[in-house]
């Protein structure tokens, strides 16, 4: 690509254009099984881009509803005006900022 340190690149993150300056370059051994981060952004760079949080938990079947309710309530209180929990098999529960489910 002919890129050098100091050049800028524009990334499209789910429709939001993020421009970043190249601070360093390194070679990546794609044949290794180690984690190879191809792009690392400075803190705060992606704040304006769409974000998704994902959590996976293994709980007893009888505890699923309660764990889903508690996690979704906490996400709604901390991350924004609404939060949804989805699980497999598919079901969706959405709460507003209030921990009270709608309807």
Protein backbone atom coordinates (compact mmCIF):
# COMPACT_ATOMS: atom_id res chain seq x y z
CA UNK A 1 0.00 0.00 0.00
CA UNK A 2 2.99 2.29 0.32
CA UNK A 3 1.95 3.70 3.69
CA UNK A 4 4.44 5.35 6.04
CA UNK A 5 4.44 6.56 9.64
CA UNK A 6 2.64 9.92 9.74
CA UNK A 7 0.27 9.10 6.86
CA UNK A 8 -3.46 9.03 7.60
CA UNK A 9 -6.02 6.36 6.83
CA UNK A 10 -9.81 6.54 6.93
CA UNK A 11 -11.75 3.60 8.36
CA UNK A 12 -15.47 3.09 7.85
CA UNK A 13 -16.85 1.70 11.11
CA UNK A 14 -20.49 0.77 10.44
CA UNK A 15 -21.03 3.92 8.40
CA UNK A 16 -19.00 6.29 10.57
CA UNK A 17 -15.78 7.56 8.97
CA UNK A 18 -12.83 7.54 11.41
CA UNK A 19 -9.56 9.15 10.31
CA UNK A 20 -6.40 8.03 12.07
CA UNK A 21 -2.70 8.87 11.75
CA UNK A 22 -0.27 5.98 11.44
CA UNK A 23 1.98 6.04 14.51
CA UNK A 24 3.99 2.89 13.76
CA UNK A 25 4.18 -0.09 11.45
CA UNK A 26 5.15 -3.67 12.13
CA UNK A 27 5.34 -6.99 10.33
CA UNK A 28 2.74 -9.62 11.13
CA UNK A 29 3.38 -13.35 10.93
CA UNK A 30 0.00 -14.56 9.65
CA UNK A 31 1.12 -18.20 9.91
CA UNK A 32 1.35 -18.01 13.70
CA UNK A 33 -1.58 -18.79 15.98
CA UNK A 34 -0.94 -15.74 18.15
CA UNK A 35 -3.32 -12.81 18.28
CA UNK A 36 -2.28 -10.33 15.59
CA UNK A 37 -3.95 -6.95 15.91
CA UNK A 38 -3.73 -5.34 12.50
CA UNK A 39 -4.97 -1.95 13.71
CA UNK A 40 -4.78 -0.50 17.21
CA UNK A 41 -6.40 2.88 17.84
CA UNK A 42 -5.46 5.47 20.45
CA UNK A 43 -7.89 5.67 23.40
CA UNK A 44 -10.97 7.71 22.50
CA UNK A 45 -10.59 7.36 18.72
CA UNK A 46 -13.61 5.09 18.32
CA UNK A 47 -15.90 6.84 20.80
CA UNK A 48 -18.13 8.24 18.03
CA UNK A 49 -18.47 4.93 16.19
CA UNK A 50 -21.29 2.43 16.74
CA UNK A 51 -20.44 -0.08 19.45
CA UNK A 52 -21.77 -3.42 20.58
CA UNK A 53 -21.18 -5.10 23.90
CA UNK A 54 -21.26 -8.87 24.12
CA UNK A 55 -21.33 -11.09 27.17
CA UNK A 56 -21.56 -14.84 27.39
CA UNK A 57 -22.60 -16.62 30.56
CA UNK A 58 -23.30 -20.21 31.41
CA UNK A 59 -25.93 -20.50 34.14
CA UNK A 60 -28.40 -23.08 35.33
CA UNK A 61 -31.60 -23.04 33.24
CA UNK A 62 -33.66 -21.89 36.20
CA UNK A 63 -31.38 -18.83 36.65
CA UNK A 64 -31.44 -17.65 33.00
CA UNK A 65 -34.33 -15.19 33.32
CA UNK A 66 -32.93 -13.55 36.44
CA UNK A 67 -29.38 -13.24 35.05
CA UNK A 68 -30.72 -11.79 31.78
CA UNK A 69 -32.84 -9.26 33.71
CA UNK A 70 -29.94 -8.17 35.96
CA UNK A 71 -27.43 -7.82 33.13
CA UNK A 72 -29.82 -5.85 30.95
CA UNK A 73 -30.79 -3.53 33.81
CA UNK A 74 -27.15 -2.75 34.57
CA UNK A 75 -26.32 -2.15 30.90
CA UNK A 76 -29.27 0.21 30.52
CA UNK A 77 -28.18 2.19 33.57
CA UNK A 78 -24.54 2.45 32.48
CA UNK A 79 -24.45 2.50 28.68
CA UNK A 80 -27.29 4.60 27.42
CA UNK A 81 -30.95 5.16 26.93
CA UNK A 82 -31.76 1.56 26.05
CA UNK A 83 -30.21 -1.89 26.18
CA UNK A 84 -31.36 -5.23 24.88
CA UNK A 85 -30.52 -8.77 25.87
CA UNK A 86 -30.69 -11.54 23.31
CA UNK A 87 -30.20 -15.17 23.97
CA UNK A 88 -30.31 -18.46 22.18
CA UNK A 89 -32.90 -19.73 21.48
CA UNK A 90 -33.83 -16.26 20.22
CA UNK A 91 -35.71 -13.99 22.57
CA UNK A 92 -35.20 -10.29 23.10
CA UNK A 93 -35.88 -8.15 26.13
CA UNK A 94 -35.36 -4.41 26.04
CA UNK A 95 -35.45 -2.03 28.96
CA UNK A 96 -35.38 1.74 28.95
CA UNK A 97 -32.94 3.43 31.32
CA UNK A 98 -35.34 2.48 34.07
CA UNK A 99 -34.90 -1.10 35.29
CA UNK A 100 -38.63 -1.71 34.83
CA UNK A 101 -39.50 -3.78 31.74
CA UNK A 102 -42.02 -2.18 29.37
CA UNK A 103 -45.67 -3.21 29.29
